[in-house]
Amino acid sequence: MIRRLYNWTISLAQTPYALWALAVVSFVESSVFPIPPDVLMIPMIIARPSRAWVIAGVALVASVLGGLFGYFIGAILYDAVGLPILEFYGKTEAAEAFKGRFNEWGAWAVLIAGMTPFPYKVITILSGTTGLSLPVFILSSIIARGLRFFIVAALLWKFGAPIRTFIEKRLGLLFAVFLVLLICGFYLVKYL
């Protein structure tokens, strides 16, 4: 099922409505959809590198708006909608354990999930469930998703199709390593 969904999503990049499809996928991926917007962004930017920044901007705006919808699900619809989504992704136990400390580290959680393969939708829902400060959530989402989409756009704009495999297979891992190093650096500065 996921493979068919992936193939369908990538086929949208070849339609005249690709930007709209990207906006919809970016929006729903931030709250419920399992396929990331990169699947559409990559072929769209390779096909038209001159529109890389517009494509990344559409993904950013739609993703942050979708994140706000995820926040709404967590804040208002957690039992009816949020909990089943977390159950689908197998994150209910982790969500309960995470809630207690979430607001203390919420901005970092949003930043990390927004830039890495960790399901961003889980963090958007948890942010609403735990009542994370909305301005903190929005700012963290803009920074995280902006970095993610604009770095992908910049790499594709600069290097084109050869970088596609690298992005699809390793960029999430590189972001995760970068963030671990960044957090460790902050930790060391704080405690040394």
N, C-alpha and C. Protein backbone atom coordinates (compact mmCIF):
# COMPACT_ATOMS: atom_id res chain seq x y z
N MET A 1 0.82 -1.20 0.00
CA MET A 1 0.00 0.00 0.00
C MET A 1 0.86 1.26 0.00
N ILE A 2 1.90 1.29 0.85
CA ILE A 2 2.76 2.47 0.93
C ILE A 2 3.48 2.69 -0.40
N ARG A 3 3.91 1.61 -1.06
CA ARG A 3 4.59 1.73 -2.35
C ARG A 3 3.67 2.34 -3.40
N ARG A 4 2.40 1.90 -3.43
CA ARG A 4 1.44 2.48 -4.39
C ARG A 4 1.21 3.95 -4.09
N LEU A 5 1.11 4.30 -2.82
CA LEU A 5 0.92 5.69 -2.41
C LEU A 5 2.13 6.52 -2.82
N TYR A 6 3.32 5.97 -2.63
CA TYR A 6 4.56 6.65 -3.04
C TYR A 6 4.55 6.89 -4.55
N ASN A 7 4.25 5.86 -5.33
CA ASN A 7 4.23 5.98 -6.79
C ASN A 7 3.19 7.00 -7.25
N TRP A 8 2.02 6.99 -6.63
CA TRP A 8 0.98 7.95 -6.97
C TRP A 8 1.46 9.37 -6.66
N THR A 9 2.10 9.55 -5.50
CA THR A 9 2.57 10.87 -5.10
C THR A 9 3.61 11.39 -6.08
N ILE A 10 4.55 10.54 -6.47
CA ILE A 10 5.60 10.97 -7.39
C ILE A 10 5.03 11.27 -8.78
N SER A 11 3.96 10.58 -9.17
CA SER A 11 3.35 10.86 -10.48
C SER A 11 2.71 12.25 -10.52
N LEU A 12 2.34 12.77 -9.37
CA LEU A 12 1.77 14.12 -9.32
C LEU A 12 2.75 15.19 -9.78
N ALA A 13 4.04 14.93 -9.63
CA ALA A 13 5.07 15.91 -10.01
C ALA A 13 5.07 16.19 -11.50
N GLN A 14 4.48 15.30 -12.30
CA GLN A 14 4.49 15.45 -13.74
C GLN A 14 3.21 16.09 -14.28
N THR A 15 2.34 16.55 -13.40
CA THR A 15 1.09 17.15 -13.84
C THR A 15 1.20 18.67 -13.87
N PRO A 16 0.29 19.33 -14.59
CA PRO A 16 0.29 20.80 -14.60
C PRO A 16 -0.08 21.39 -13.22
N TYR A 17 -0.61 20.55 -12.38
CA TYR A 17 -1.03 21.00 -11.05
C TYR A 17 -0.02 20.61 -9.98
N ALA A 18 1.23 20.42 -10.39
CA ALA A 18 2.26 19.92 -9.48
C ALA A 18 2.44 20.81 -8.26
N LEU A 19 2.43 22.15 -8.43
CA LEU A 19 2.59 23.03 -7.26
C LEU A 19 1.44 22.88 -6.29
N TRP A 20 0.23 22.75 -6.82
CA TRP A 20 -0.93 22.54 -5.95
C TRP A 20 -0.84 21.19 -5.26
N ALA A 21 -0.41 20.18 -6.02
CA ALA A 21 -0.24 18.85 -5.43
C ALA A 21 0.81 18.89 -4.33
N LEU A 22 1.91 19.62 -4.59
CA LEU A 22 2.95 19.76 -3.57
C LEU A 22 2.40 20.44 -2.32
N ALA A 23 1.61 21.48 -2.52
CA ALA A 23 1.02 22.17 -1.36
C ALA A 23 0.13 21.23 -0.55
N VAL A 24 -0.69 20.46 -1.25
CA VAL A 24 -1.59 19.53 -0.55
C VAL A 24 -0.79 18.45 0.18
N VAL A 25 0.19 17.85 -0.50
CA VAL A 25 1.01 16.80 0.12
C VAL A 25 1.78 17.37 1.31
N SER A 26 2.35 18.57 1.16
CA SER A 26 3.09 19.20 2.25
C SER A 26 2.19 19.47 3.44
N PHE A 27 0.97 19.91 3.17
CA PHE A 27 0.02 20.20 4.24
C PHE A 27 -0.36 18.93 5.00
N VAL A 28 -0.80 17.91 4.26
CA VAL A 28 -1.29 16.70 4.93
C VAL A 28 -0.17 15.86 5.53
N GLU A 29 1.04 15.96 4.97
CA GLU A 29 2.18 15.22 5.53
C GLU A 29 2.51 15.71 6.93
N SER A 30 2.24 16.97 7.19
CA SER A 30 2.55 17.55 8.50
C SER A 30 1.57 17.13 9.59
N SER A 31 0.49 16.47 9.19
CA SER A 31 -0.49 16.06 10.20
C SER A 31 -0.92 14.60 10.08
N VAL A 32 -1.00 14.03 8.88
CA VAL A 32 -1.50 12.66 8.76
C VAL A 32 -0.85 11.79 7.68
N PHE A 33 -0.35 12.36 6.60
CA PHE A 33 0.08 11.62 5.41
C PHE A 33 1.49 11.04 5.59
N PRO A 34 1.73 9.78 5.20
CA PRO A 34 3.04 9.16 5.45
C PRO A 34 4.15 9.51 4.46
N ILE A 35 3.83 10.06 3.29
CA ILE A 35 4.83 10.32 2.26
C ILE A 35 5.30 11.78 2.36
N PRO A 36 6.62 12.02 2.47
CA PRO A 36 7.13 13.39 2.62
C PRO A 36 7.05 14.18 1.32
N PRO A 37 6.97 15.50 1.42
CA PRO A 37 6.88 16.36 0.23
C PRO A 37 8.12 16.27 -0.67
N ASP A 38 9.24 15.84 -0.12
CA ASP A 38 10.47 15.72 -0.91
C ASP A 38 10.25 14.86 -2.15
N VAL A 39 9.35 13.88 -2.03
CA VAL A 39 9.05 12.97 -3.14
C VAL A 39 8.54 13.76 -4.35
N LEU A 40 7.80 14.82 -4.12
CA LEU A 40 7.33 15.69 -5.21
C LEU A 40 8.35 16.77 -5.54
N MET A 41 8.96 17.34 -4.51
CA MET A 41 9.90 18.44 -4.72
C MET A 41 11.06 18.04 -5.63
N ILE A 42 11.63 16.89 -5.37
CA ILE A 42 12.85 16.48 -6.08
C ILE A 42 12.63 16.43 -7.60
N PRO A 43 11.63 15.68 -8.10
CA PRO A 43 11.46 15.68 -9.56
C PRO A 43 11.02 17.03 -10.12
N MET A 44 10.27 17.79 -9.33
CA MET A 44 9.84 19.12 -9.80
C MET A 44 11.03 20.05 -9.98
N ILE A 45 11.96 20.04 -9.04
CA ILE A 45 13.13 20.91 -9.12
C ILE A 45 14.09 20.43 -10.20
N ILE A 46 14.26 19.13 -10.33
CA ILE A 46 15.13 18.61 -11.38
C ILE A 46 14.58 19.00 -12.76
N ALA A 47 13.26 18.96 -12.91
CA ALA A 47 12.64 19.32 -14.18
C ALA A 47 12.74 20.83 -14.46
N ARG A 48 12.63 21.65 -13.40
CA ARG A 48 12.67 23.11 -13.58
C ARG A 48 13.49 23.76 -12.47
N PRO A 49 14.81 23.71 -12.57
CA PRO A 49 15.67 24.24 -11.52
C PRO A 49 15.45 25.73 -11.25
N SER A 50 15.03 26.48 -12.26
CA SER A 50 14.81 27.92 -12.06
C SER A 50 13.66 28.19 -11.08
N ARG A 51 12.82 27.21 -10.82
CA ARG A 51 11.69 27.38 -9.89
C ARG A 51 11.96 26.74 -8.54
N ALA A 52 13.22 26.39 -8.27
CA ALA A 52 13.57 25.69 -7.03
C ALA A 52 13.11 26.45 -5.79
N TRP A 53 13.29 27.76 -5.77
CA TRP A 53 12.96 28.55 -4.57
C TRP A 53 11.45 28.68 -4.40
N VAL A 54 10.73 28.78 -5.51
CA VAL A 54 9.26 28.84 -5.43
C VAL A 54 8.73 27.51 -4.91
N ILE A 55 9.27 26.42 -5.43
CA ILE A 55 8.84 25.09 -5.02
C ILE A 55 9.12 24.88 -3.53
N ALA A 56 10.31 25.25 -3.07
CA ALA A 56 10.64 25.12 -1.65
C ALA A 56 9.74 26.02 -0.80
N GLY A 57 9.45 27.22 -1.29
CA GLY A 57 8.56 28.15 -0.56
C GLY A 57 7.15 27.61 -0.41
N VAL A 58 6.63 27.01 -1.47
CA VAL A 58 5.29 26.41 -1.40
C VAL A 58 5.28 25.27 -0.39
N ALA A 59 6.31 24.42 -0.44
CA ALA A 59 6.40 23.31 0.51
C ALA A 59 6.49 23.84 1.94
N LEU A 60 7.26 24.89 2.16
CA LEU A 60 7.42 25.47 3.49
C LEU A 60 6.10 26.01 4.04
N VAL A 61 5.44 26.86 3.27
CA VAL A 61 4.19 27.48 3.75
C VAL A 61 3.12 26.42 4.01
N ALA A 62 2.95 25.52 3.05
CA ALA A 62 1.92 24.48 3.21
C ALA A 62 2.25 23.55 4.38
N SER A 63 3.53 23.24 4.56
CA SER A 63 3.93 22.35 5.64
C SER A 63 3.69 22.99 7.01
N VAL A 64 4.01 24.26 7.15
CA VAL A 64 3.78 24.94 8.43
C VAL A 64 2.28 25.04 8.70
N LEU A 65 1.50 25.34 7.67
CA LEU A 65 0.04 25.37 7.85
C LEU A 65 -0.48 23.98 8.23
N GLY A 66 0.06 22.95 7.59
CA GLY A 66 -0.31 21.58 7.95
C GLY A 66 0.12 21.24 9.37
N GLY A 67 1.26 21.76 9.78
CA GLY A 67 1.71 21.59 11.15
C GLY A 67 0.74 22.22 12.14
N LEU A 68 0.22 23.38 11.78
CA LEU A 68 -0.79 24.03 12.63
C LEU A 68 -2.06 23.18 12.71
N PHE A 69 -2.39 22.52 11.61
CA PHE A 69 -3.53 21.60 11.64
C PHE A 69 -3.25 20.42 12.56
N GLY A 70 -2.02 19.89 12.50
CA GLY A 70 -1.62 18.83 13.41
C GLY A 70 -1.69 19.29 14.87
N TYR A 71 -1.26 20.52 15.11
CA TYR A 71 -1.34 21.11 16.45
C TYR A 71 -2.80 21.16 16.90
N PHE A 72 -3.68 21.58 15.99
CA PHE A 72 -5.13 21.63 16.26
C PHE A 72 -5.66 20.23 16.58
N ILE A 73 -5.22 19.23 15.82
CA ILE A 73 -5.65 17.85 16.09
C ILE A 73 -5.27 17.47 17.51
N GLY A 74 -4.03 17.76 17.87
CA GLY A 74 -3.57 17.42 19.21
C GLY A 74 -4.29 18.19 20.30
N ALA A 75 -4.58 19.47 20.05
CA ALA A 75 -5.20 20.31 21.07
C ALA A 75 -6.70 20.05 21.21
N ILE A 76 -7.38 19.85 20.10
CA ILE A 76 -8.85 19.78 20.10
C ILE A 76 -9.37 18.38 19.82
N LEU A 77 -8.71 17.66 18.92
CA LEU A 77 -9.24 16.38 18.45
C LEU A 77 -8.36 15.20 18.84
N TYR A 78 -7.61 15.30 19.91
CA TYR A 78 -6.65 14.27 20.24
C TYR A 78 -7.31 12.89 20.37
N ASP A 79 -8.36 12.77 21.17
CA ASP A 79 -8.99 11.45 21.37
C ASP A 79 -9.62 10.90 20.10
N ALA A 80 -10.27 11.77 19.33
CA ALA A 80 -10.99 11.31 18.14
C ALA A 80 -10.07 11.09 16.94
N VAL A 81 -9.05 11.94 16.76
CA VAL A 81 -8.22 11.87 15.56
C VAL A 81 -6.75 11.63 15.89
N GLY A 82 -6.22 12.40 16.84
CA GLY A 82 -4.79 12.34 17.14
C GLY A 82 -4.33 10.98 17.63
N LEU A 83 -5.06 10.40 18.58
CA LEU A 83 -4.69 9.11 19.14
C LEU A 83 -4.67 8.01 18.07
N PRO A 84 -5.69 7.91 17.19
CA PRO A 84 -5.62 6.89 16.14
C PRO A 84 -4.43 7.09 15.19
N ILE A 85 -4.07 8.36 14.91
CA ILE A 85 -2.91 8.61 14.04
C ILE A 85 -1.63 8.13 14.74
N LEU A 86 -1.50 8.45 16.01
CA LEU A 86 -0.33 8.00 16.77
C LEU A 86 -0.30 6.47 16.86
N GLU A 87 -1.47 5.84 17.01
CA GLU A 87 -1.55 4.37 17.04
C GLU A 87 -1.11 3.79 15.71
N PHE A 88 -1.53 4.42 14.60
CA PHE A 88 -1.16 3.95 13.26
C PHE A 88 0.36 3.93 13.10
N TYR A 89 1.03 4.96 13.61
CA TYR A 89 2.48 5.05 13.51
C TYR A 89 3.19 4.33 14.66
N GLY A 90 2.42 3.68 15.55
CA GLY A 90 3.01 2.93 16.65
C GLY A 90 3.70 3.82 17.67
N LYS A 91 3.18 5.02 17.88
CA LYS A 91 3.86 5.98 18.74
C LYS A 91 3.08 6.32 20.01
N THR A 92 2.06 5.56 20.37
CA THR A 92 1.24 5.92 21.54
C THR A 92 2.02 5.80 22.84
N GLU A 93 2.76 4.71 23.03
CA GLU A 93 3.53 4.56 24.28
C GLU A 93 4.61 5.64 24.36
N ALA A 94 5.29 5.86 23.27
CA ALA A 94 6.33 6.89 23.24
C ALA A 94 5.72 8.26 23.50
N ALA A 95 4.52 8.48 22.96
CA ALA A 95 3.86 9.77 23.14
C ALA A 95 3.54 10.03 24.60
N GLU A 96 3.05 9.03 25.29
CA GLU A 96 2.71 9.20 26.71
C GLU A 96 3.95 9.48 27.55
N ALA A 97 5.00 8.75 27.29
CA ALA A 97 6.25 8.96 28.04
C ALA A 97 6.86 10.31 27.72
N PHE A 98 6.69 10.73 26.50
CA PHE A 98 7.29 11.97 26.01
C PHE A 98 6.56 13.21 26.51
N LYS A 99 5.25 13.10 26.73
CA LYS A 99 4.43 14.25 27.13
C LYS A 99 4.98 14.98 28.35
N GLY A 100 5.41 14.21 29.34
CA GLY A 100 5.85 14.80 30.60
C GLY A 100 6.98 15.80 30.44
N ARG A 101 7.90 15.53 29.53
CA ARG A 101 9.05 16.40 29.34
C ARG A 101 8.97 17.22 28.06
N PHE A 102 7.90 17.06 27.33
CA PHE A 102 7.83 17.65 26.00
C PHE A 102 7.97 19.17 25.99
N ASN A 103 7.22 19.85 26.80
CA ASN A 103 7.24 21.31 26.73
C ASN A 103 8.59 21.90 27.13
N GLU A 104 9.33 21.17 27.96
CA GLU A 104 10.66 21.63 28.34
C GLU A 104 11.59 21.67 27.12
N TRP A 105 11.44 20.68 26.25
CA TRP A 105 12.29 20.56 25.08
C TRP A 105 11.50 20.70 23.78
N GLY A 106 10.27 21.22 23.85
CA GLY A 106 9.37 21.24 22.69
C GLY A 106 9.92 21.91 21.46
N ALA A 107 10.59 23.05 21.62
CA ALA A 107 11.14 23.74 20.45
C ALA A 107 12.17 22.86 19.75
N TRP A 108 13.01 22.17 20.53
CA TRP A 108 14.00 21.27 19.95
C TRP A 108 13.33 20.09 19.25
N ALA A 109 12.28 19.58 19.87
CA ALA A 109 11.56 18.45 19.26
C ALA A 109 10.99 18.84 17.91
N VAL A 110 10.41 20.03 17.83
CA VAL A 110 9.84 20.50 16.56
C VAL A 110 10.96 20.69 15.55
N LEU A 111 12.08 21.28 15.96
CA LEU A 111 13.21 21.49 15.05
C LEU A 111 13.75 20.16 14.52
N ILE A 112 13.94 19.22 15.42
CA ILE A 112 14.49 17.93 15.02
C ILE A 112 13.54 17.18 14.10
N ALA A 113 12.28 17.09 14.49
CA ALA A 113 11.31 16.36 13.66
C ALA A 113 11.06 17.07 12.33
N GLY A 114 11.17 18.38 12.32
CA GLY A 114 10.94 19.13 11.09
C GLY A 114 12.02 18.96 10.05
N MET A 115 13.23 18.53 10.48
CA MET A 115 14.34 18.42 9.55
C MET A 115 14.81 16.99 9.31
N THR A 116 14.34 16.05 10.08
CA THR A 116 14.84 14.68 9.99
C THR A 116 13.74 13.72 9.52
N PRO A 117 14.09 12.45 9.34
CA PRO A 117 13.07 11.48 8.94
C PRO A 117 12.04 11.16 10.04
N PHE A 118 12.29 11.60 11.29
CA PHE A 118 11.30 11.37 12.35
C PHE A 118 9.98 11.97 11.90
N PRO A 119 8.86 11.27 12.10
CA PRO A 119 7.58 11.78 11.61
C PRO A 119 7.18 13.12 12.26
N TYR A 120 7.29 14.17 11.50
CA TYR A 120 6.96 15.53 11.95
C TYR A 120 5.52 15.59 12.46
N LYS A 121 4.64 14.82 11.85
CA LYS A 121 3.22 14.82 12.25
C LYS A 121 3.04 14.41 13.71
N VAL A 122 3.89 13.52 14.18
CA VAL A 122 3.80 13.08 15.58
C VAL A 122 4.09 14.26 16.51
N ILE A 123 5.09 15.05 16.15
CA ILE A 123 5.45 16.21 16.98
C ILE A 123 4.40 17.30 16.87
N THR A 124 3.80 17.49 15.70
CA THR A 124 2.77 18.54 15.60
C THR A 124 1.58 18.19 16.49
N ILE A 125 1.20 16.93 16.48
CA ILE A 125 0.07 16.49 17.31
C ILE A 125 0.43 16.58 18.79
N LEU A 126 1.62 16.14 19.15
CA LEU A 126 2.06 16.22 20.55
C LEU A 126 2.17 17.67 21.02
N SER A 127 2.58 18.55 20.13
CA SER A 127 2.69 19.96 20.50
C SER A 127 1.33 20.51 20.91
N GLY A 128 0.31 20.16 20.16
CA GLY A 128 -1.05 20.59 20.51
C GLY A 128 -1.57 19.90 21.76
N THR A 129 -1.28 18.61 21.88
CA THR A 129 -1.74 17.83 23.04
C THR A 129 -1.16 18.37 24.34
N THR A 130 0.13 18.72 24.32
CA THR A 130 0.79 19.18 25.53
C THR A 130 0.67 20.68 25.74
N GLY A 131 0.10 21.39 24.76
CA GLY A 131 -0.07 22.84 24.90
C GLY A 131 1.23 23.61 24.75
N LEU A 132 2.15 23.11 23.91
CA LEU A 132 3.37 23.85 23.63
C LEU A 132 3.00 25.25 23.16
N SER A 133 3.74 26.24 23.59
CA SER A 133 3.49 27.62 23.18
C SER A 133 3.34 27.70 21.66
N LEU A 134 2.23 28.26 21.20
CA LEU A 134 1.97 28.34 19.76
C LEU A 134 3.04 29.16 19.03
N PRO A 135 3.45 30.34 19.54
CA PRO A 135 4.53 31.06 18.84
C PRO A 135 5.83 30.26 18.76
N VAL A 136 6.18 29.52 19.82
CA VAL A 136 7.38 28.68 19.80
C VAL A 136 7.22 27.59 18.75
N PHE A 137 6.05 26.98 18.70
CA PHE A 137 5.77 25.94 17.72
C PHE A 137 5.90 26.49 16.29
N ILE A 138 5.28 27.63 16.02
CA ILE A 138 5.30 28.20 14.67
C ILE A 138 6.72 28.58 14.26
N LEU A 139 7.45 29.26 15.13
CA LEU A 139 8.81 29.68 14.80
C LEU A 139 9.72 28.47 14.57
N SER A 140 9.62 27.48 15.44
CA SER A 140 10.43 26.26 15.28
C SER A 140 10.08 25.54 13.98
N SER A 141 8.81 25.50 13.64
CA SER A 141 8.37 24.85 12.40
C SER A 141 8.90 25.58 11.18
N ILE A 142 8.84 26.91 11.19
CA ILE A 142 9.33 27.69 10.05
C ILE A 142 10.83 27.46 9.86
N ILE A 143 11.58 27.50 10.95
CA ILE A 143 13.03 27.29 10.85
C ILE A 143 13.33 25.87 10.34
N ALA A 144 12.72 24.87 10.97
CA ALA A 144 13.02 23.48 10.62
C ALA A 144 12.62 23.15 9.19
N ARG A 145 11.39 23.44 8.86
CA ARG A 145 10.91 23.09 7.52
C ARG A 145 11.59 23.96 6.46
N GLY A 146 11.86 25.21 6.79
CA GLY A 146 12.58 26.08 5.86
C GLY A 146 13.96 25.54 5.55
N LEU A 147 14.70 25.16 6.60
CA LEU A 147 16.03 24.57 6.38
C LEU A 147 15.93 23.31 5.53
N ARG A 148 15.01 22.46 5.90
CA ARG A 148 14.90 21.19 5.18
C ARG A 148 14.60 21.41 3.70
N PHE A 149 13.57 22.17 3.39
CA PHE A 149 13.15 22.32 2.00
C PHE A 149 14.11 23.18 1.19
N PHE A 150 14.65 24.24 1.79
CA PHE A 150 15.53 25.11 1.02
C PHE A 150 16.92 24.50 0.83
N ILE A 151 17.38 23.66 1.75
CA ILE A 151 18.65 22.96 1.53
C ILE A 151 18.49 21.94 0.40
N VAL A 152 17.39 21.21 0.41
CA VAL A 152 17.12 20.28 -0.70
C VAL A 152 17.05 21.04 -2.02
N ALA A 153 16.32 22.16 -2.03
CA ALA A 153 16.20 22.97 -3.25
C ALA A 153 17.56 23.49 -3.70
N ALA A 154 18.38 23.96 -2.77
CA ALA A 154 19.69 24.50 -3.13
C ALA A 154 20.59 23.41 -3.71
N LEU A 155 20.58 22.23 -3.10
CA LEU A 155 21.40 21.14 -3.61
C LEU A 155 20.96 20.72 -5.01
N LEU A 156 19.66 20.62 -5.20
CA LEU A 156 19.16 20.24 -6.53
C LEU A 156 19.40 21.34 -7.55
N TRP A 157 19.25 22.58 -7.16
CA TRP A 157 19.49 23.71 -8.07
C TRP A 157 20.95 23.74 -8.51
N LYS A 158 21.84 23.48 -7.54
CA LYS A 158 23.28 23.55 -7.82
C LYS A 158 23.79 22.31 -8.55
N PHE A 159 23.40 21.11 -8.10
CA PHE A 159 23.99 19.88 -8.62
C PHE A 159 23.08 19.07 -9.52
N GLY A 160 21.77 19.35 -9.53
CA GLY A 160 20.85 18.67 -10.42
C GLY A 160 20.61 17.21 -10.09
N ALA A 161 20.33 16.44 -11.12
CA ALA A 161 19.94 15.04 -10.96
C ALA A 161 20.95 14.16 -10.22
N PRO A 162 22.27 14.36 -10.37
CA PRO A 162 23.20 13.48 -9.65
C PRO A 162 23.04 13.51 -8.12
N ILE A 163 22.56 14.61 -7.58
CA ILE A 163 22.42 14.71 -6.12
C ILE A 163 21.13 14.06 -5.63
N ARG A 164 20.25 13.70 -6.55
CA ARG A 164 18.94 13.15 -6.17
C ARG A 164 19.07 11.90 -5.30
N THR A 165 19.90 10.95 -5.72
CA THR A 165 20.07 9.72 -4.94
C THR A 165 20.60 10.03 -3.55
N PHE A 166 21.58 10.92 -3.49
CA PHE A 166 22.15 11.31 -2.21
C PHE A 166 21.07 11.89 -1.30
N ILE A 167 20.26 12.79 -1.82
CA ILE A 167 19.21 13.43 -1.02
C ILE A 167 18.19 12.39 -0.55
N GLU A 168 17.73 11.56 -1.46
CA GLU A 168 16.70 10.60 -1.12
C GLU A 168 17.17 9.58 -0.08
N LYS A 169 18.45 9.23 -0.10
CA LYS A 169 18.92 8.18 0.80
C LYS A 169 19.60 8.69 2.06
N ARG A 170 20.25 9.86 2.01
CA ARG A 170 21.13 10.22 3.13
C ARG A 170 20.88 11.56 3.78
N LEU A 171 20.07 12.44 3.20
CA LEU A 171 19.94 13.78 3.77
C LEU A 171 19.31 13.75 5.16
N GLY A 172 18.30 12.94 5.35
CA GLY A 172 17.69 12.84 6.68
C GLY A 172 18.69 12.40 7.72
N LEU A 173 19.54 11.46 7.36
CA LEU A 173 20.57 10.99 8.28
C LEU A 173 21.57 12.10 8.58
N LEU A 174 21.98 12.85 7.57
CA LEU A 174 22.92 13.95 7.79
C LEU A 174 22.32 15.02 8.70
N PHE A 175 21.05 15.35 8.49
CA PHE A 175 20.38 16.31 9.37
C PHE A 175 20.36 15.78 10.80
N ALA A 176 20.05 14.50 10.95
CA ALA A 176 20.00 13.91 12.30
C ALA A 176 21.36 13.99 12.97
N VAL A 177 22.43 13.65 12.25
CA VAL A 177 23.78 13.72 12.81
C VAL A 177 24.12 15.16 13.17
N PHE A 178 23.81 16.09 12.28
CA PHE A 178 24.08 17.50 12.54
C PHE A 178 23.36 17.96 13.81
N LEU A 179 22.09 17.58 13.95
CA LEU A 179 21.33 18.00 15.13
C LEU A 179 21.85 17.36 16.41
N VAL A 180 22.25 16.11 16.35
CA VAL A 180 22.83 15.46 17.54
C VAL A 180 24.11 16.20 17.95
N LEU A 181 24.94 16.51 16.97
CA LEU A 181 26.17 17.25 17.27
C LEU A 181 25.86 18.64 17.84
N LEU A 182 24.86 19.30 17.28
CA LEU A 182 24.47 20.62 17.77
C LEU A 182 23.97 20.55 19.20
N ILE A 183 23.10 19.60 19.49
CA ILE A 183 22.56 19.44 20.85
C ILE A 183 23.69 19.07 21.83
N CYS A 184 24.57 18.18 21.42
CA CYS A 184 25.71 17.82 22.28
C CYS A 184 26.59 19.04 22.54
N GLY A 185 26.77 19.86 21.52
CA GLY A 185 27.55 21.08 21.69
C GLY A 185 26.92 22.01 22.71
N PHE A 186 25.61 22.22 22.62
CA PHE A 186 24.90 23.05 23.60
C PHE A 186 25.00 22.45 24.99
N TYR A 187 24.87 21.15 25.08
CA TYR A 187 24.95 20.46 26.37
C TYR A 187 26.33 20.66 26.99
N LEU A 188 27.37 20.48 26.17
CA LEU A 188 28.73 20.64 26.68
C LEU A 188 29.00 22.08 27.12
N VAL A 189 28.53 23.05 26.35
CA VAL A 189 28.71 24.46 26.72
C VAL A 189 28.00 24.75 28.04
N LYS A 190 26.82 24.20 28.20
CA LYS A 190 26.03 24.45 29.42
C LYS A 190 26.68 23.85 30.65
N TYR A 191 27.27 22.66 30.54
CA TYR A 191 27.77 21.95 31.70
C TYR A 191 29.29 21.98 31.87
N LEU A 192 29.99 22.66 31.00
CA LEU A 192 31.46 22.77 31.17
C LEU A 192 31.86 24.09 31.75
